[in-house]
Amino acid sequence: MPFPQVYSEWVDTDSDSTVDSWNDGSTTHSLASLDATSQDIDTDNAYNSEELQYASNPFVFDTDGDGLDDGTEIHVAIQGALKSYSLTSWDSNGDSVSDHDDFYGFMAVTYPGGQLPS
């Protein structure tokens, strides 16, 4: 991941083996409470329920920092023909080219070792 992120994740708060809430390290938000505020908290065109399904951060427009918003990765890449994309890895296929550049066919810039320029 190119940018350090605070510890946060989807968690199972009622111990039924189904992830149901977002924990940001200090606060736990149920999916229902997120949806009561907005079904798309970060306005990335991915519903909070989709962010839960794909383990992306409902408060971050581009969870993996690859240049593609989470909504595009879910609706076009993952659910479309390009199923190799991940919302939690900026270089889902490990070719040292960001998912954004892969998606748009721009292969001229690589990031050896997965290091993005500062």
PDB file of N, CA and C in Angstrom:
ATOM      1  N   MET A   1       0.845  -1.167   0.000  1.00  0.00           N
ATOM      2  CA  MET A   1       0.000   0.000   0.000  1.00  0.00           C
ATOM      3  C   MET A   1       0.899   1.240   0.000  1.00  0.00           C
ATOM      4  N   PRO A   2       0.644   2.201  -0.846  1.00  0.00           N
ATOM      5  CA  PRO A   2       1.558   3.326  -0.975  1.00  0.00           C
ATOM      6  C   PRO A   2       1.518   4.314   0.183  1.00  0.00           C
ATOM      7  N   PHE A   3       0.432   4.418   0.890  1.00  0.00           N
ATOM      8  CA  PHE A   3       0.305   5.393   1.956  1.00  0.00           C
ATOM      9  C   PHE A   3       0.008   4.683   3.260  1.00  0.00           C
ATOM     10  N   PRO A   4       0.671   5.097   4.345  1.00  0.00           N
ATOM     11  CA  PRO A   4       0.346   4.463   5.627  1.00  0.00           C
ATOM     12  C   PRO A   4      -1.090   4.778   6.010  1.00  0.00           C
ATOM     13  N   GLN A   5      -1.779   3.817   6.566  1.00  0.00           N
ATOM     14  CA  GLN A   5      -3.159   4.031   6.984  1.00  0.00           C
ATOM     15  C   GLN A   5      -3.309   3.671   8.450  1.00  0.00           C
ATOM     16  N   VAL A   6      -4.184   4.362   9.116  1.00  0.00           N
ATOM     17  CA  VAL A   6      -4.480   4.067  10.494  1.00  0.00           C
ATOM     18  C   VAL A   6      -5.143   2.696  10.534  1.00  0.00           C
ATOM     19  N   TYR A   7      -4.913   1.960  11.602  1.00  0.00           N
ATOM     20  CA  TYR A   7      -5.529   0.645  11.736  1.00  0.00           C
ATOM     21  C   TYR A   7      -7.045   0.783  11.708  1.00  0.00           C
ATOM     22  N   SER A   8      -7.662   0.169  10.746  1.00  0.00           N
ATOM     23  CA  SER A   8      -9.118   0.169  10.642  1.00  0.00           C
ATOM     24  C   SER A   8      -9.525  -1.020   9.787  1.00  0.00           C
ATOM     25  N   GLU A   9     -10.734  -1.527  10.062  1.00  0.00           N
ATOM     26  CA  GLU A   9     -11.188  -2.700   9.318  1.00  0.00           C
ATOM     27  C   GLU A   9     -12.671  -2.948   9.567  1.00  0.00           C
ATOM     28  N   TRP A  10     -13.250  -3.783   8.723  1.00  0.00           N
ATOM     29  CA  TRP A  10     -14.601  -4.282   8.929  1.00  0.00           C
ATOM     30  C   TRP A  10     -14.513  -5.395   9.966  1.00  0.00           C
ATOM     31  N   VAL A  11     -15.436  -5.424  10.915  1.00  0.00           N
ATOM     32  CA  VAL A  11     -15.420  -6.402  12.001  1.00  0.00           C
ATOM     33  C   VAL A  11     -16.798  -7.033  12.208  1.00  0.00           C
ATOM     34  N   ASP A  12     -16.792  -8.167  12.888  1.00  0.00           N
ATOM     35  CA  ASP A  12     -18.022  -8.873  13.255  1.00  0.00           C
ATOM     36  C   ASP A  12     -18.319  -8.528  14.716  1.00  0.00           C
ATOM     37  N   THR A  13     -19.263  -7.639  14.960  1.00  0.00           N
ATOM     38  CA  THR A  13     -19.535  -7.177  16.322  1.00  0.00           C
ATOM     39  C   THR A  13     -20.485  -8.076  17.104  1.00  0.00           C
ATOM     40  N   ASP A  14     -21.256  -8.902  16.418  1.00  0.00           N
ATOM     41  CA  ASP A  14     -22.213  -9.747  17.131  1.00  0.00           C
ATOM     42  C   ASP A  14     -21.836 -11.235  17.108  1.00  0.00           C
ATOM     43  N   SER A  15     -20.614 -11.518  16.712  1.00  0.00           N
ATOM     44  CA  SER A  15     -20.055 -12.886  16.733  1.00  0.00           C
ATOM     45  C   SER A  15     -20.896 -13.913  15.984  1.00  0.00           C
ATOM     46  N   ASP A  16     -21.479 -13.500  14.855  1.00  0.00           N
ATOM     47  CA  ASP A  16     -22.261 -14.445  14.056  1.00  0.00           C
ATOM     48  C   ASP A  16     -21.507 -14.884  12.795  1.00  0.00           C
ATOM     49  N   SER A  17     -20.216 -14.612  12.751  1.00  0.00           N
ATOM     50  CA  SER A  17     -19.336 -14.952  11.623  1.00  0.00           C
ATOM     51  C   SER A  17     -19.609 -14.132  10.371  1.00  0.00           C
ATOM     52  N   THR A  18     -20.334 -13.014  10.523  1.00  0.00           N
ATOM     53  CA  THR A  18     -20.590 -12.117   9.403  1.00  0.00           C
ATOM     54  C   THR A  18     -20.105 -10.719   9.772  1.00  0.00           C
ATOM     55  N   VAL A  19     -19.208 -10.193   8.957  1.00  0.00           N
ATOM     56  CA  VAL A  19     -18.688  -8.849   9.193  1.00  0.00           C
ATOM     57  C   VAL A  19     -19.839  -7.866   9.030  1.00  0.00           C
ATOM     58  N   ASP A  20     -19.986  -6.941   9.994  1.00  0.00           N
ATOM     59  CA  ASP A  20     -21.155  -6.063   9.977  1.00  0.00           C
ATOM     60  C   ASP A  20     -20.884  -4.609  10.340  1.00  0.00           C
ATOM     61  N   SER A  21     -19.662  -4.270  10.769  1.00  0.00           N
ATOM     62  CA  SER A  21     -19.390  -2.912  11.236  1.00  0.00           C
ATOM     63  C   SER A  21     -17.978  -2.483  10.876  1.00  0.00           C
ATOM     64  N   TRP A  22     -17.798  -1.174  10.744  1.00  0.00           N
ATOM     65  CA  TRP A  22     -16.493  -0.584  10.455  1.00  0.00           C
ATOM     66  C   TRP A  22     -15.892  -0.070  11.753  1.00  0.00           C
ATOM     67  N   ASN A  23     -14.667  -0.504  12.064  1.00  0.00           N
ATOM     68  CA  ASN A  23     -13.965  -0.051  13.254  1.00  0.00           C
ATOM     69  C   ASN A  23     -12.736   0.723  12.807  1.00  0.00           C
ATOM     70  N   ASP A  24     -12.664   1.997  13.203  1.00  0.00           N
ATOM     71  CA  ASP A  24     -11.536   2.830  12.786  1.00  0.00           C
ATOM     72  C   ASP A  24     -10.458   2.951  13.858  1.00  0.00           C
ATOM     73  N   GLY A  25     -10.509   2.071  14.854  1.00  0.00           N
ATOM     74  CA  GLY A  25      -9.523   2.100  15.915  1.00  0.00           C
ATOM     75  C   GLY A  25     -10.019   2.790  17.166  1.00  0.00           C
ATOM     76  N   SER A  26     -10.975   3.696  16.999  1.00  0.00           N
ATOM     77  CA  SER A  26     -11.536   4.370  18.175  1.00  0.00           C
ATOM     78  C   SER A  26     -13.055   4.292  18.213  1.00  0.00           C
ATOM     79  N   THR A  27     -13.682   4.137  17.060  1.00  0.00           N
ATOM     80  CA  THR A  27     -15.139   4.099  16.970  1.00  0.00           C
ATOM     81  C   THR A  27     -15.561   2.947  16.066  1.00  0.00           C
ATOM     82  N   THR A  28     -16.640   2.285  16.437  1.00  0.00           N
ATOM     83  CA  THR A  28     -17.210   1.239  15.595  1.00  0.00           C
ATOM     84  C   THR A  28     -18.532   1.755  15.045  1.00  0.00           C
ATOM     85  N   HIS A  29     -18.686   1.659  13.736  1.00  0.00           N
ATOM     86  CA  HIS A  29     -19.891   2.126  13.043  1.00  0.00           C
ATOM     87  C   HIS A  29     -20.572   0.925  12.407  1.00  0.00           C
ATOM     88  N   SER A  30     -21.808   0.658  12.769  1.00  0.00           N
ATOM     89  CA  SER A  30     -22.537  -0.425  12.108  1.00  0.00           C
ATOM     90  C   SER A  30     -22.874   0.014  10.686  1.00  0.00           C
ATOM     91  N   LEU A  31     -23.100  -0.949   9.826  1.00  0.00           N
ATOM     92  CA  LEU A  31     -23.503  -0.634   8.459  1.00  0.00           C
ATOM     93  C   LEU A  31     -24.780   0.200   8.480  1.00  0.00           C
ATOM     94  N   ALA A  32     -25.695  -0.145   9.368  1.00  0.00           N
ATOM     95  CA  ALA A  32     -26.955   0.609   9.473  1.00  0.00           C
ATOM     96  C   ALA A  32     -26.704   2.060   9.867  1.00  0.00           C
ATOM     97  N   SER A  33     -25.771   2.308  10.793  1.00  0.00           N
ATOM     98  CA  SER A  33     -25.502   3.696  11.187  1.00  0.00           C
ATOM     99  C   SER A  33     -24.799   4.460  10.071  1.00  0.00           C
ATOM    100  N   LEU A  34     -23.937   3.784   9.324  1.00  0.00           N
ATOM    101  CA  LEU A  34     -23.307   4.428   8.167  1.00  0.00           C
ATOM    102  C   LEU A  34     -24.375   4.806   7.145  1.00  0.00           C
ATOM    103  N   ASP A  35     -25.253   3.846   6.839  1.00  0.00           N
ATOM    104  CA  ASP A  35     -26.304   4.083   5.846  1.00  0.00           C
ATOM    105  C   ASP A  35     -27.294   5.156   6.300  1.00  0.00           C
ATOM    106  N   ALA A  36     -27.490   5.283   7.612  1.00  0.00           N
ATOM    107  CA  ALA A  36     -28.392   6.327   8.123  1.00  0.00           C
ATOM    108  C   ALA A  36     -27.827   7.719   7.834  1.00  0.00           C
ATOM    109  N   THR A  37     -26.499   7.811   7.788  1.00  0.00           N
ATOM    110  CA  THR A  37     -25.847   9.079   7.450  1.00  0.00           C
ATOM    111  C   THR A  37     -25.871   9.287   5.946  1.00  0.00           C
ATOM    112  N   SER A  38     -25.414   8.284   5.219  1.00  0.00           N
ATOM    113  CA  SER A  38     -25.399   8.304   3.760  1.00  0.00           C
ATOM    114  C   SER A  38     -25.050   6.897   3.290  1.00  0.00           C
ATOM    115  N   GLN A  39     -25.663   6.440   2.214  1.00  0.00           N
ATOM    116  CA  GLN A  39     -25.325   5.113   1.701  1.00  0.00           C
ATOM    117  C   GLN A  39     -23.964   5.092   1.026  1.00  0.00           C
ATOM    118  N   ASP A  40     -23.393   6.277   0.805  1.00  0.00           N
ATOM    119  CA  ASP A  40     -22.053   6.390   0.218  1.00  0.00           C
ATOM    120  C   ASP A  40     -21.325   7.517   0.947  1.00  0.00           C
ATOM    121  N   ILE A  41     -20.815   7.218   2.133  1.00  0.00           N
ATOM    122  CA  ILE A  41     -20.182   8.207   3.018  1.00  0.00           C
ATOM    123  C   ILE A  41     -19.097   9.015   2.307  1.00  0.00           C
ATOM    124  N   ASP A  42     -18.234   8.355   1.543  1.00  0.00           N
ATOM    125  CA  ASP A  42     -17.088   9.038   0.930  1.00  0.00           C
ATOM    126  C   ASP A  42     -17.327   9.481  -0.516  1.00  0.00           C
ATOM    127  N   THR A  43     -18.543   9.369  -0.993  1.00  0.00           N
ATOM    128  CA  THR A  43     -18.956   9.797  -2.346  1.00  0.00           C
ATOM    129  C   THR A  43     -18.068   9.244  -3.464  1.00  0.00           C
ATOM    130  N   ASP A  44     -17.694   7.971  -3.343  1.00  0.00           N
ATOM    131  CA  ASP A  44     -16.866   7.334  -4.366  1.00  0.00           C
ATOM    132  C   ASP A  44     -17.678   6.455  -5.317  1.00  0.00           C
ATOM    133  N   ASN A  45     -19.000   6.570  -5.255  1.00  0.00           N
ATOM    134  CA  ASN A  45     -19.915   5.781  -6.086  1.00  0.00           C
ATOM    135  C   ASN A  45     -19.932   4.301  -5.744  1.00  0.00           C
ATOM    136  N   ALA A  46     -19.514   3.970  -4.524  1.00  0.00           N
ATOM    137  CA  ALA A  46     -19.637   2.607  -4.002  1.00  0.00           C
ATOM    138  C   ALA A  46     -20.471   2.707  -2.732  1.00  0.00           C
ATOM    139  N   TYR A  47     -21.570   1.967  -2.703  1.00  0.00           N
ATOM    140  CA  TYR A  47     -22.389   1.956  -1.492  1.00  0.00           C
ATOM    141  C   TYR A  47     -21.577   1.383  -0.327  1.00  0.00           C
ATOM    142  N   ASN A  48     -21.914   1.794   0.885  1.00  0.00           N
ATOM    143  CA  ASN A  48     -21.239   1.270   2.070  1.00  0.00           C
ATOM    144  C   ASN A  48     -21.311  -0.257   2.106  1.00  0.00           C
ATOM    145  N   SER A  49     -22.438  -0.827   1.698  1.00  0.00           N
ATOM    146  CA  SER A  49     -22.582  -2.288   1.684  1.00  0.00           C
ATOM    147  C   SER A  49     -21.602  -2.931   0.693  1.00  0.00           C
ATOM    148  N   GLU A  50     -21.322  -2.248  -0.415  1.00  0.00           N
ATOM    149  CA  GLU A  50     -20.333  -2.758  -1.372  1.00  0.00           C
ATOM    150  C   GLU A  50     -18.924  -2.642  -0.789  1.00  0.00           C
ATOM    151  N   GLU A  51     -18.676  -1.545  -0.081  1.00  0.00           N
ATOM    152  CA  GLU A  51     -17.363  -1.366   0.558  1.00  0.00           C
ATOM    153  C   GLU A  51     -17.153  -2.481   1.580  1.00  0.00           C
ATOM    154  N   LEU A  52     -18.201  -2.859   2.298  1.00  0.00           N
ATOM    155  CA  LEU A  52     -18.115  -3.979   3.236  1.00  0.00           C
ATOM    156  C   LEU A  52     -17.800  -5.265   2.468  1.00  0.00           C
ATOM    157  N   GLN A  53     -18.525  -5.519   1.390  1.00  0.00           N
ATOM    158  CA  GLN A  53     -18.346  -6.739   0.603  1.00  0.00           C
ATOM    159  C   GLN A  53     -16.921  -6.880   0.073  1.00  0.00           C
ATOM    160  N   TYR A  54     -16.305  -5.765  -0.336  1.00  0.00           N
ATOM    161  CA  TYR A  54     -14.969  -5.817  -0.929  1.00  0.00           C
ATOM    162  C   TYR A  54     -13.872  -5.361   0.034  1.00  0.00           C
ATOM    163  N   ALA A  55     -14.221  -5.179   1.317  1.00  0.00           N
ATOM    164  CA  ALA A  55     -13.268  -4.839   2.385  1.00  0.00           C
ATOM    165  C   ALA A  55     -12.554  -3.508   2.182  1.00  0.00           C
ATOM    166  N   SER A  56     -13.198  -2.569   1.504  1.00  0.00           N
ATOM    167  CA  SER A  56     -12.582  -1.255   1.322  1.00  0.00           C
ATOM    168  C   SER A  56     -13.057  -0.298   2.418  1.00  0.00           C
ATOM    169  N   ASN A  57     -12.388   0.823   2.531  1.00  0.00           N
ATOM    170  CA  ASN A  57     -12.670   1.798   3.586  1.00  0.00           C
ATOM    171  C   ASN A  57     -13.832   2.696   3.170  1.00  0.00           C
ATOM    172  N   PRO A  58     -14.947   2.676   3.899  1.00  0.00           N
ATOM    173  CA  PRO A  58     -16.107   3.484   3.513  1.00  0.00           C
ATOM    174  C   PRO A  58     -15.896   4.992   3.709  1.00  0.00           C
ATOM    175  N   PHE A  59     -14.795   5.370   4.365  1.00  0.00           N
ATOM    176  CA  PHE A  59     -14.506   6.789   4.599  1.00  0.00           C
ATOM    177  C   PHE A  59     -13.417   7.333   3.682  1.00  0.00           C
ATOM    178  N   VAL A  60     -12.890   6.487   2.774  1.00  0.00           N
ATOM    179  CA  VAL A  60     -11.797   6.906   1.889  1.00  0.00           C
ATOM    180  C   VAL A  60     -12.219   6.694   0.438  1.00  0.00           C
ATOM    181  N   PHE A  61     -12.131   7.745  -0.364  1.00  0.00           N
ATOM    182  CA  PHE A  61     -12.530   7.750  -1.770  1.00  0.00           C
ATOM    183  C   PHE A  61     -11.799   6.673  -2.582  1.00  0.00           C
ATOM    184  N   ASP A  62     -10.518   6.495  -2.319  1.00  0.00           N
ATOM    185  CA  ASP A  62      -9.675   5.541  -3.036  1.00  0.00           C
ATOM    186  C   ASP A  62      -8.875   4.762  -1.996  1.00  0.00           C
ATOM    187  N   THR A  63      -9.447   3.693  -1.486  1.00  0.00           N
ATOM    188  CA  THR A  63      -8.873   2.946  -0.370  1.00  0.00           C
ATOM    189  C   THR A  63      -7.409   2.571  -0.573  1.00  0.00           C
ATOM    190  N   ASP A  64      -7.059   2.066  -1.746  1.00  0.00           N
ATOM    191  CA  ASP A  64      -5.691   1.581  -1.958  1.00  0.00           C
ATOM    192  C   ASP A  64      -4.758   2.620  -2.571  1.00  0.00           C
ATOM    193  N   GLY A  65      -5.251   3.827  -2.833  1.00  0.00           N
ATOM    194  CA  GLY A  65      -4.395   4.902  -3.331  1.00  0.00           C
ATOM    195  C   GLY A  65      -3.834   4.685  -4.722  1.00  0.00           C
ATOM    196  N   ASP A  66      -4.548   3.918  -5.553  1.00  0.00           N
ATOM    197  CA  ASP A  66      -4.039   3.611  -6.890  1.00  0.00           C
ATOM    198  C   ASP A  66      -4.514   4.580  -7.965  1.00  0.00           C
ATOM    199  N   GLY A  67      -5.349   5.544  -7.594  1.00  0.00           N
ATOM    200  CA  GLY A  67      -5.842   6.508  -8.575  1.00  0.00           C
ATOM    201  C   GLY A  67      -7.225   6.189  -9.110  1.00  0.00           C
ATOM    202  N   LEU A  68      -7.743   5.002  -8.823  1.00  0.00           N
ATOM    203  CA  LEU A  68      -9.109   4.642  -9.212  1.00  0.00           C
ATOM    204  C   LEU A  68      -9.979   4.695  -7.971  1.00  0.00           C
ATOM    205  N   ASP A  69     -11.082   5.449  -8.031  1.00  0.00           N
ATOM    206  CA  ASP A  69     -11.971   5.489  -6.875  1.00  0.00           C
ATOM    207  C   ASP A  69     -12.575   4.098  -6.652  1.00  0.00           C
ATOM    208  N   ASP A  70     -12.990   3.846  -5.426  1.00  0.00           N
ATOM    209  CA  ASP A  70     -13.516   2.521  -5.074  1.00  0.00           C
ATOM    210  C   ASP A  70     -14.721   2.131  -5.924  1.00  0.00           C
ATOM    211  N   GLY A  71     -15.577   3.082  -6.258  1.00  0.00           N
ATOM    212  CA  GLY A  71     -16.744   2.781  -7.088  1.00  0.00           C
ATOM    213  C   GLY A  71     -16.355   2.257  -8.452  1.00  0.00           C
ATOM    214  N   THR A  72     -15.356   2.867  -9.086  1.00  0.00           N
ATOM    215  CA  THR A  72     -14.890   2.403 -10.397  1.00  0.00           C
ATOM    216  C   THR A  72     -14.313   1.003 -10.285  1.00  0.00           C
ATOM    217  N   GLU A  73     -13.510   0.775  -9.250  1.00  0.00           N
ATOM    218  CA  GLU A  73     -12.917  -0.558  -9.092  1.00  0.00           C
ATOM    219  C   GLU A  73     -13.991  -1.627  -8.876  1.00  0.00           C
ATOM    220  N   ILE A  74     -15.024  -1.310  -8.136  1.00  0.00           N
ATOM    221  CA  ILE A  74     -16.090  -2.290  -7.899  1.00  0.00           C
ATOM    222  C   ILE A  74     -16.950  -2.491  -9.134  1.00  0.00           C
ATOM    223  N   HIS A  75     -17.472  -1.416  -9.684  1.00  0.00           N
ATOM    224  CA  HIS A  75     -18.476  -1.532 -10.752  1.00  0.00           C
ATOM    225  C   HIS A  75     -17.914  -1.833 -12.122  1.00  0.00           C
ATOM    226  N   VAL A  76     -16.747  -1.312 -12.440  1.00  0.00           N
ATOM    227  CA  VAL A  76     -16.193  -1.518 -13.770  1.00  0.00           C
ATOM    228  C   VAL A  76     -15.158  -2.632 -13.781  1.00  0.00           C
ATOM    229  N   ALA A  77     -14.231  -2.559 -12.850  1.00  0.00           N
ATOM    230  CA  ALA A  77     -13.130  -3.518 -12.870  1.00  0.00           C
ATOM    231  C   ALA A  77     -13.509  -4.866 -12.272  1.00  0.00           C
ATOM    232  N   ILE A  78     -13.917  -4.891 -11.019  1.00  0.00           N
ATOM    233  CA  ILE A  78     -14.179  -6.164 -10.346  1.00  0.00           C
ATOM    234  C   ILE A  78     -15.422  -6.857 -10.888  1.00  0.00           C
ATOM    235  N   GLN A  79     -16.541  -6.137 -11.003  1.00  0.00           N
ATOM    236  CA  GLN A  79     -17.776  -6.752 -11.470  1.00  0.00           C
ATOM    237  C   GLN A  79     -17.824  -6.855 -12.988  1.00  0.00           C
ATOM    238  N   GLY A  80     -16.932  -6.155 -13.661  1.00  0.00           N
ATOM    239  CA  GLY A  80     -16.879  -6.200 -15.119  1.00  0.00           C
ATOM    240  C   GLY A  80     -15.927  -7.277 -15.600  1.00  0.00           C
ATOM    241  N   ALA A  81     -15.278  -6.992 -16.692  1.00  0.00           N
ATOM    242  CA  ALA A  81     -14.412  -7.979 -17.327  1.00  0.00           C
ATOM    243  C   ALA A  81     -13.032  -8.095 -16.673  1.00  0.00           C
ATOM    244  N   LEU A  82     -12.646  -7.118 -15.859  1.00  0.00           N
ATOM    245  CA  LEU A  82     -11.295  -7.085 -15.308  1.00  0.00           C
ATOM    246  C   LEU A  82     -11.284  -7.549 -13.852  1.00  0.00           C
ATOM    247  N   LYS A  83     -11.598  -8.771 -13.604  1.00  0.00           N
ATOM    248  CA  LYS A  83     -11.811  -9.277 -12.249  1.00  0.00           C
ATOM    249  C   LYS A  83     -10.549  -9.367 -11.395  1.00  0.00           C
ATOM    250  N   SER A  84      -9.402  -9.026 -11.936  1.00  0.00           N
ATOM    251  CA  SER A  84      -8.163  -9.138 -11.174  1.00  0.00           C
ATOM    252  C   SER A  84      -7.903  -7.934 -10.266  1.00  0.00           C
ATOM    253  N   TYR A  85      -8.784  -6.962 -10.230  1.00  0.00           N
ATOM    254  CA  TYR A  85      -8.562  -5.764  -9.422  1.00  0.00           C
ATOM    255  C   TYR A  85      -8.941  -5.984  -7.966  1.00  0.00           C
ATOM    256  N   SER A  86      -8.230  -5.287  -7.093  1.00  0.00           N
ATOM    257  CA  SER A  86      -8.483  -5.350  -5.657  1.00  0.00           C
ATOM    258  C   SER A  86      -8.605  -3.936  -5.120  1.00  0.00           C
ATOM    259  N   LEU A  87      -9.504  -3.719  -4.176  1.00  0.00           N
ATOM    260  CA  LEU A  87      -9.661  -2.398  -3.573  1.00  0.00           C
ATOM    261  C   LEU A  87      -8.669  -2.148  -2.457  1.00  0.00           C
ATOM    262  N   THR A  88      -7.891  -3.150  -2.123  1.00  0.00           N
ATOM    263  CA  THR A  88      -6.936  -2.981  -1.036  1.00  0.00           C
ATOM    264  C   THR A  88      -5.486  -3.117  -1.492  1.00  0.00           C
ATOM    265  N   SER A  89      -5.251  -3.172  -2.798  1.00  0.00           N
ATOM    266  CA  SER A  89      -3.898  -3.234  -3.343  1.00  0.00           C
ATOM    267  C   SER A  89      -3.813  -2.299  -4.546  1.00  0.00           C
ATOM    268  N   TRP A  90      -2.869  -1.372  -4.528  1.00  0.00           N
ATOM    269  CA  TRP A  90      -2.770  -0.406  -5.632  1.00  0.00           C
ATOM    270  C   TRP A  90      -2.244  -1.055  -6.905  1.00  0.00           C
ATOM    271  N   ASP A  91      -1.599  -2.217  -6.791  1.00  0.00           N
ATOM    272  CA  ASP A  91      -1.073  -2.957  -7.939  1.00  0.00           C
ATOM    273  C   ASP A  91      -1.556  -4.396  -7.826  1.00  0.00           C
ATOM    274  N   SER A  92      -2.809  -4.620  -8.158  1.00  0.00           N
ATOM    275  CA  SER A  92      -3.459  -5.908  -7.914  1.00  0.00           C
ATOM    276  C   SER A  92      -2.790  -7.092  -8.596  1.00  0.00           C
ATOM    277  N   ASN A  93      -2.199  -6.897  -9.763  1.00  0.00           N
ATOM    278  CA  ASN A  93      -1.596  -8.030 -10.469  1.00  0.00           C
ATOM    279  C   ASN A  93      -0.081  -8.113 -10.291  1.00  0.00           C
ATOM    280  N   GLY A  94       0.506  -7.217  -9.488  1.00  0.00           N
ATOM    281  CA  GLY A  94       1.929  -7.295  -9.173  1.00  0.00           C
ATOM    282  C   GLY A  94       2.882  -6.995 -10.306  1.00  0.00           C
ATOM    283  N   ASP A  95       2.436  -6.215 -11.311  1.00  0.00           N
ATOM    284  CA  ASP A  95       3.301  -5.913 -12.450  1.00  0.00           C
ATOM    285  C   ASP A  95       4.046  -4.586 -12.310  1.00  0.00           C
ATOM    286  N   SER A  96       4.021  -3.976 -11.131  1.00  0.00           N
ATOM    287  CA  SER A  96       4.669  -2.690 -10.833  1.00  0.00           C
ATOM    288  C   SER A  96       4.038  -1.510 -11.567  1.00  0.00           C
ATOM    289  N   VAL A  97       2.836  -1.720 -12.112  1.00  0.00           N
ATOM    290  CA  VAL A  97       2.056  -0.659 -12.749  1.00  0.00           C
ATOM    291  C   VAL A  97       0.794  -0.503 -11.912  1.00  0.00           C
ATOM    292  N   SER A  98       0.438   0.730 -11.550  1.00  0.00           N
ATOM    293  CA  SER A  98      -0.745   0.933 -10.706  1.00  0.00           C
ATOM    294  C   SER A  98      -2.007   0.439 -11.405  1.00  0.00           C
ATOM    295  N   ASP A  99      -3.017   0.081 -10.624  1.00  0.00           N
ATOM    296  CA  ASP A  99      -4.291  -0.345 -11.205  1.00  0.00           C
ATOM    297  C   ASP A  99      -4.866   0.749 -12.095  1.00  0.00           C
ATOM    298  N   HIS A 100      -4.707   1.999 -11.695  1.00  0.00           N
ATOM    299  CA  HIS A 100      -5.183   3.130 -12.509  1.00  0.00           C
ATOM    300  C   HIS A 100      -4.553   3.074 -13.890  1.00  0.00           C
ATOM    301  N   ASP A 101      -3.208   2.937 -13.933  1.00  0.00           N
ATOM    302  CA  ASP A 101      -2.515   2.918 -15.224  1.00  0.00           C
ATOM    303  C   ASP A 101      -2.868   1.665 -16.023  1.00  0.00           C
ATOM    304  N   ASP A 102      -3.000   0.512 -15.344  1.00  0.00           N
ATOM    305  CA  ASP A 102      -3.453  -0.712 -16.030  1.00  0.00           C
ATOM    306  C   ASP A 102      -4.823  -0.482 -16.664  1.00  0.00           C
ATOM    307  N   PHE A 103      -5.735   0.075 -15.871  1.00  0.00           N
ATOM    308  CA  PHE A 103      -7.111   0.296 -16.312  1.00  0.00           C
ATOM    309  C   PHE A 103      -7.168   1.171 -17.560  1.00  0.00           C
ATOM    310  N   TYR A 104      -6.346   2.226 -17.579  1.00  0.00           N
ATOM    311  CA  TYR A 104      -6.344   3.154 -18.710  1.00  0.00           C
ATOM    312  C   TYR A 104      -5.320   2.803 -19.785  1.00  0.00           C
ATOM    313  N   GLY A 105      -4.630   1.661 -19.655  1.00  0.00           N
ATOM    314  CA  GLY A 105      -3.698   1.203 -20.672  1.00  0.00           C
ATOM    315  C   GLY A 105      -2.410   2.003 -20.746  1.00  0.00           C
ATOM    316  N   PHE A 106      -2.027   2.651 -19.668  1.00  0.00           N
ATOM    317  CA  PHE A 106      -0.795   3.431 -19.636  1.00  0.00           C
ATOM    318  C   PHE A 106       0.265   2.620 -18.913  1.00  0.00           C
ATOM    319  N   MET A 107       1.159   2.004 -19.682  1.00  0.00           N
ATOM    320  CA  MET A 107       2.144   1.104 -19.090  1.00  0.00           C
ATOM    321  C   MET A 107       3.550   1.690 -19.100  1.00  0.00           C
ATOM    322  N   ALA A 108       3.697   2.965 -19.419  1.00  0.00           N
ATOM    323  CA  ALA A 108       5.018   3.583 -19.547  1.00  0.00           C
ATOM    324  C   ALA A 108       5.693   3.851 -18.207  1.00  0.00           C
ATOM    325  N   VAL A 109       4.929   3.939 -17.120  1.00  0.00           N
ATOM    326  CA  VAL A 109       5.510   4.230 -15.821  1.00  0.00           C
ATOM    327  C   VAL A 109       5.340   3.019 -14.920  1.00  0.00           C
ATOM    328  N   THR A 110       6.457   2.523 -14.412  1.00  0.00           N
ATOM    329  CA  THR A 110       6.402   1.414 -13.468  1.00  0.00           C
ATOM    330  C   THR A 110       6.974   1.861 -12.138  1.00  0.00           C
ATOM    331  N   TYR A 111       6.639   1.150 -11.109  1.00  0.00           N
ATOM    332  CA  TYR A 111       7.083   1.454  -9.757  1.00  0.00           C
ATOM    333  C   TYR A 111       7.750   0.207  -9.197  1.00  0.00           C
ATOM    334  N   PRO A 112       9.029  -0.010  -9.557  1.00  0.00           N
ATOM    335  CA  PRO A 112       9.731  -1.219  -9.105  1.00  0.00           C
ATOM    336  C   PRO A 112       9.673  -1.380  -7.589  1.00  0.00           C
ATOM    337  N   GLY A 113       9.406  -2.572  -7.161  1.00  0.00           N
ATOM    338  CA  GLY A 113       9.302  -2.845  -5.747  1.00  0.00           C
ATOM    339  C   GLY A 113       8.049  -2.283  -5.125  1.00  0.00           C
ATOM    340  N   GLY A 114       7.115  -1.801  -5.953  1.00  0.00           N
ATOM    341  CA  GLY A 114       5.857  -1.269  -5.435  1.00  0.00           C
ATOM    342  C   GLY A 114       5.974   0.075  -4.756  1.00  0.00           C
ATOM    343  N   GLN A 115       7.034   0.804  -5.028  1.00  0.00           N
ATOM    344  CA  GLN A 115       7.231   2.101  -4.385  1.00  0.00           C
ATOM    345  C   GLN A 115       6.762   3.225  -5.302  1.00  0.00           C
ATOM    346  N   LEU A 116       5.750   3.941  -4.844  1.00  0.00           N
ATOM    347  CA  LEU A 116       5.272   5.095  -5.582  1.00  0.00           C
ATOM    348  C   LEU A 116       6.200   6.271  -5.314  1.00  0.00           C
ATOM    349  N   PRO A 117       6.390   7.161  -6.293  1.00  0.00           N
ATOM    350  CA  PRO A 117       7.242   8.330  -6.051  1.00  0.00           C
ATOM    351  C   PRO A 117       6.590   9.247  -5.019  1.00  0.00           C
ATOM    352  N   SER A 118       7.407   9.990  -4.292  1.00  0.00           N
ATOM    353  CA  SER A 118       6.852  10.892  -3.274  1.00  0.00           C
ATOM    354  C   SER A 118       6.234  12.113  -3.913  1.00  0.00           C
TER     355      SER A 118
END
